[in-house]
């Protein structure tokens, strides 16, 4: 009976960490998809598209030139923190704009999504608008093995 209690006691925290990492990765992929969609829509419509992060509501949205939001949006779970960086520094503004060429208006943008042990960075190149997703570990064990 004691062994079963020990196994369950060890498994529950591990499962909780696993579930949070899955939630973080899924949200990062959704963010990447929405940012890529914004770029595609800017190119296809020949109009600017604005990607906006609303931290109070926990939403990432895309707006057209008239300020109308798209139906698609990403809800950020409360367990995940998000930071928008422009040119590698925390942004004063909470949005960035894709031009009809697919490039960004201004410097490169990054959306940094963090959980307890992992961090994903959705990066957008200023010149081309290319969107990439990087997986970064926050644990010291992973950093030491690099």
C-alpha atoms as a PDB file:
ATOM      1  CA  UNK A   1       0.000   0.000   0.000  1.00  0.00           C
ATOM      2  CA  UNK A   2       2.871   2.354   0.867  1.00  0.00           C
ATOM      3  CA  UNK A   3       4.549   1.740  -2.495  1.00  0.00           C
ATOM      4  CA  UNK A   4       1.343   2.587  -4.365  1.00  0.00           C
ATOM      5  CA  UNK A   5       1.029   5.826  -2.381  1.00  0.00           C
ATOM      6  CA  UNK A   6       4.637   6.713  -3.194  1.00  0.00           C
ATOM      7  CA  UNK A   7       4.167   6.042  -6.910  1.00  0.00           C
ATOM      8  CA  UNK A   8       0.954   8.102  -7.014  1.00  0.00           C
ATOM      9  CA  UNK A   9       2.621  10.874  -5.012  1.00  0.00           C
ATOM     10  CA  UNK A  10       5.409  11.093  -7.574  1.00  0.00           C
ATOM     11  CA  UNK A  11       3.222  10.650 -10.646  1.00  0.00           C
ATOM     12  CA  UNK A  12       0.684  13.408  -9.944  1.00  0.00           C
ATOM     13  CA  UNK A  13       3.165  16.337  -9.972  1.00  0.00           C
ATOM     14  CA  UNK A  14       4.885  14.912 -13.055  1.00  0.00           C
ATOM     15  CA  UNK A  15       1.561  14.618 -14.847  1.00  0.00           C
ATOM     16  CA  UNK A  16       0.649  18.212 -13.901  1.00  0.00           C
ATOM     17  CA  UNK A  17       3.960  19.481 -15.362  1.00  0.00           C
ATOM     18  CA  UNK A  18       3.411  17.409 -18.484  1.00  0.00           C
ATOM     19  CA  UNK A  19      -0.116  18.794 -18.920  1.00  0.00           C
ATOM     20  CA  UNK A  20       1.117  22.375 -18.539  1.00  0.00           C
ATOM     21  CA  UNK A  21       3.905  21.807 -21.077  1.00  0.00           C
ATOM     22  CA  UNK A  22       1.384  20.370 -23.557  1.00  0.00           C
ATOM     23  CA  UNK A  23      -0.901  23.389 -22.996  1.00  0.00           C
ATOM     24  CA  UNK A  24       2.036  25.775 -23.522  1.00  0.00           C
ATOM     25  CA  UNK A  25       3.167  24.042 -26.721  1.00  0.00           C
ATOM     26  CA  UNK A  26      -0.371  23.950 -28.099  1.00  0.00           C
ATOM     27  CA  UNK A  27      -0.886  27.656 -27.355  1.00  0.00           C
ATOM     28  CA  UNK A  28       2.469  28.527 -28.972  1.00  0.00           C
ATOM     29  CA  UNK A  29       1.455  26.659 -32.124  1.00  0.00           C
ATOM     30  CA  UNK A  30      -1.904  28.441 -32.178  1.00  0.00           C
ATOM     31  CA  UNK A  31      -0.119  31.806 -31.810  1.00  0.00           C
ATOM     32  CA  UNK A  32       2.236  30.923 -34.656  1.00  0.00           C
ATOM     33  CA  UNK A  33      -0.717  29.915 -36.828  1.00  0.00           C
ATOM     34  CA  UNK A  34      -2.601  33.146 -36.168  1.00  0.00           C
ATOM     35  CA  UNK A  35       0.484  35.289 -36.847  1.00  0.00           C
ATOM     36  CA  UNK A  36       1.091  33.381 -40.100  1.00  0.00           C
ATOM     37  CA  UNK A  37      -2.557  33.887 -41.052  1.00  0.00           C
ATOM     38  CA  UNK A  38      -2.234  37.639 -40.459  1.00  0.00           C
ATOM     39  CA  UNK A  39       0.772  37.764 -42.801  1.00  0.00           C
ATOM     40  CA  UNK A  40      -1.053  35.749 -45.481  1.00  0.00           C
ATOM     41  CA  UNK A  41      -4.121  37.972 -45.237  1.00  0.00           C
ATOM     42  CA  UNK A  42      -1.996  41.123 -45.557  1.00  0.00           C
ATOM     43  CA  UNK A  43      -0.422  39.757 -48.729  1.00  0.00           C
ATOM     44  CA  UNK A  44      -3.697  38.422 -50.191  1.00  0.00           C
ATOM     45  CA  UNK A  45      -5.780  41.514 -49.490  1.00  0.00           C
ATOM     46  CA  UNK A  46      -3.026  44.060 -50.238  1.00  0.00           C
ATOM     47  CA  UNK A  47      -3.854  45.705 -46.905  1.00  0.00           C
ATOM     48  CA  UNK A  48      -2.126  46.026 -43.554  1.00  0.00           C
ATOM     49  CA  UNK A  49      -3.029  43.523 -40.816  1.00  0.00           C
ATOM     50  CA  UNK A  50      -2.347  44.291 -37.176  1.00  0.00           C
ATOM     51  CA  UNK A  51      -1.562  41.561 -34.645  1.00  0.00           C
ATOM     52  CA  UNK A  52      -2.572  42.769 -31.185  1.00  0.00           C
ATOM     53  CA  UNK A  53      -1.935  41.264 -27.754  1.00  0.00           C
ATOM     54  CA  UNK A  54      -4.517  42.093 -25.068  1.00  0.00           C
ATOM     55  CA  UNK A  55      -3.009  40.927 -21.780  1.00  0.00           C
ATOM     56  CA  UNK A  56      -6.042  41.938 -19.707  1.00  0.00           C
ATOM     57  CA  UNK A  57      -8.378  39.699 -21.693  1.00  0.00           C
ATOM     58  CA  UNK A  58      -5.684  37.120 -22.474  1.00  0.00           C
ATOM     59  CA  UNK A  59      -6.292  37.347 -26.232  1.00  0.00           C
ATOM     60  CA  UNK A  60      -4.183  37.557 -29.365  1.00  0.00           C
ATOM     61  CA  UNK A  61      -6.176  39.024 -32.252  1.00  0.00           C
ATOM     62  CA  UNK A  62      -5.749  40.208 -35.823  1.00  0.00           C
ATOM     63  CA  UNK A  63      -7.341  43.437 -37.073  1.00  0.00           C
ATOM     64  CA  UNK A  64      -7.861  44.754 -40.599  1.00  0.00           C
ATOM     65  CA  UNK A  65      -7.136  48.342 -41.705  1.00  0.00           C
ATOM     66  CA  UNK A  66     -10.572  49.480 -40.500  1.00  0.00           C
ATOM     67  CA  UNK A  67      -9.892  48.107 -37.025  1.00  0.00           C
ATOM     68  CA  UNK A  68     -12.289  45.179 -37.387  1.00  0.00           C
ATOM     69  CA  UNK A  69     -11.088  41.990 -35.666  1.00  0.00           C
ATOM     70  CA  UNK A  70     -10.957  38.648 -37.425  1.00  0.00           C
ATOM     71  CA  UNK A  71     -13.152  35.888 -36.109  1.00  0.00           C
ATOM     72  CA  UNK A  72     -10.030  33.811 -35.392  1.00  0.00           C
ATOM     73  CA  UNK A  73      -8.232  34.605 -32.149  1.00  0.00           C
ATOM     74  CA  UNK A  74      -6.056  32.818 -29.618  1.00  0.00           C
ATOM     75  CA  UNK A  75      -7.044  32.730 -25.957  1.00  0.00           C
ATOM     76  CA  UNK A  76      -3.979  32.622 -23.717  1.00  0.00           C
ATOM     77  CA  UNK A  77      -4.514  30.380 -20.654  1.00  0.00           C
ATOM     78  CA  UNK A  78      -3.910  32.132 -17.300  1.00  0.00           C
ATOM     79  CA  UNK A  79      -1.052  29.724 -16.513  1.00  0.00           C
ATOM     80  CA  UNK A  80       0.957  31.086 -19.474  1.00  0.00           C
ATOM     81  CA  UNK A  81       2.703  34.450 -19.489  1.00  0.00           C
ATOM     82  CA  UNK A  82       3.174  36.305 -22.778  1.00  0.00           C
ATOM     83  CA  UNK A  83       5.505  39.150 -23.611  1.00  0.00           C
ATOM     84  CA  UNK A  84       5.748  41.032 -26.892  1.00  0.00           C
ATOM     85  CA  UNK A  85       9.264  42.107 -27.822  1.00  0.00           C
ATOM     86  CA  UNK A  86      10.150  44.435 -30.669  1.00  0.00           C
ATOM     87  CA  UNK A  87      13.757  44.365 -31.812  1.00  0.00           C
ATOM     88  CA  UNK A  88      14.659  42.123 -28.859  1.00  0.00           C
ATOM     89  CA  UNK A  89      13.402  44.437 -26.107  1.00  0.00           C
ATOM     90  CA  UNK A  90      10.033  44.504 -24.302  1.00  0.00           C
ATOM     91  CA  UNK A  91       7.567  46.471 -26.407  1.00  0.00           C
ATOM     92  CA  UNK A  92       5.870  49.668 -25.291  1.00  0.00           C
ATOM     93  CA  UNK A  93       3.063  48.910 -27.710  1.00  0.00           C
ATOM     94  CA  UNK A  94       1.054  45.687 -27.687  1.00  0.00           C
ATOM     95  CA  UNK A  95       0.863  45.192 -31.448  1.00  0.00           C
ATOM     96  CA  UNK A  96       2.793  44.864 -34.693  1.00  0.00           C
ATOM     97  CA  UNK A  97       1.723  45.333 -38.312  1.00  0.00           C
ATOM     98  CA  UNK A  98       2.185  43.233 -41.442  1.00  0.00           C
ATOM     99  CA  UNK A  99       2.429  45.250 -44.664  1.00  0.00           C
ATOM    100  CA  UNK A 100       0.895  44.045 -47.973  1.00  0.00           C
ATOM    101  CA  UNK A 101       4.368  42.809 -48.971  1.00  0.00           C
ATOM    102  CA  UNK A 102       4.346  40.402 -46.016  1.00  0.00           C
ATOM    103  CA  UNK A 103       7.086  42.289 -44.202  1.00  0.00           C
ATOM    104  CA  UNK A 104       6.657  44.002 -40.850  1.00  0.00           C
ATOM    105  CA  UNK A 105       6.207  47.726 -40.431  1.00  0.00           C
ATOM    106  CA  UNK A 106       9.199  48.352 -38.190  1.00  0.00           C
ATOM    107  CA  UNK A 107      11.582  45.986 -36.451  1.00  0.00           C
ATOM    108  CA  UNK A 108      11.378  42.241 -35.883  1.00  0.00           C
ATOM    109  CA  UNK A 109       8.797  41.052 -33.366  1.00  0.00           C
ATOM    110  CA  UNK A 110       8.773  38.153 -30.907  1.00  0.00           C
ATOM    111  CA  UNK A 111       5.967  36.756 -28.797  1.00  0.00           C
ATOM    112  CA  UNK A 112       7.512  34.995 -25.795  1.00  0.00           C
ATOM    113  CA  UNK A 113       5.211  32.431 -24.156  1.00  0.00           C
ATOM    114  CA  UNK A 114       6.444  31.093 -20.810  1.00  0.00           C
ATOM    115  CA  UNK A 115       5.369  28.324 -18.499  1.00  0.00           C
ATOM    116  CA  UNK A 116       7.081  27.028 -15.387  1.00  0.00           C
ATOM    117  CA  UNK A 117       9.838  25.081 -17.144  1.00  0.00           C
ATOM    118  CA  UNK A 118       9.588  25.884 -20.837  1.00  0.00           C
ATOM    119  CA  UNK A 119       9.418  28.891 -23.071  1.00  0.00           C
ATOM    120  CA  UNK A 120       8.377  29.160 -26.695  1.00  0.00           C
ATOM    121  CA  UNK A 121       9.270  32.142 -28.856  1.00  0.00           C
ATOM    122  CA  UNK A 122       7.270  33.000 -31.974  1.00  0.00           C
ATOM    123  CA  UNK A 123       9.641  35.188 -33.994  1.00  0.00           C
ATOM    124  CA  UNK A 124       8.709  37.352 -36.972  1.00  0.00           C
ATOM    125  CA  UNK A 125      11.423  38.678 -39.281  1.00  0.00           C
ATOM    126  CA  UNK A 126      11.045  42.371 -40.102  1.00  0.00           C
ATOM    127  CA  UNK A 127      12.318  42.138 -43.684  1.00  0.00           C
ATOM    128  CA  UNK A 128      10.461  39.053 -44.879  1.00  0.00           C
ATOM    129  CA  UNK A 129       7.737  38.520 -42.281  1.00  0.00           C
ATOM    130  CA  UNK A 130       8.849  34.884 -41.934  1.00  0.00           C
ATOM    131  CA  UNK A 131       7.339  33.314 -38.811  1.00  0.00           C
ATOM    132  CA  UNK A 132       9.283  30.733 -36.782  1.00  0.00           C
ATOM    133  CA  UNK A 133       8.712  28.925 -33.495  1.00  0.00           C
ATOM    134  CA  UNK A 134      11.587  28.184 -31.107  1.00  0.00           C
ATOM    135  CA  UNK A 135      11.373  25.887 -28.088  1.00  0.00           C
ATOM    136  CA  UNK A 136      13.514  27.012 -25.151  1.00  0.00           C
ATOM    137  CA  UNK A 137      13.923  25.248 -21.828  1.00  0.00           C
ATOM    138  CA  UNK A 138      14.041  27.256 -18.610  1.00  0.00           C
ATOM    139  CA  UNK A 139      15.587  24.478 -16.508  1.00  0.00           C
ATOM    140  CA  UNK A 140      19.263  24.700 -15.572  1.00  0.00           C
ATOM    141  CA  UNK A 141      19.789  21.020 -16.520  1.00  0.00           C
ATOM    142  CA  UNK A 142      18.951  21.713 -20.151  1.00  0.00           C
ATOM    143  CA  UNK A 143      21.079  24.884 -20.275  1.00  0.00           C
ATOM    144  CA  UNK A 144      24.097  22.993 -18.909  1.00  0.00           C
ATOM    145  CA  UNK A 145      23.851  20.385 -21.669  1.00  0.00           C
ATOM    146  CA  UNK A 146      24.045  22.908 -24.492  1.00  0.00           C
END
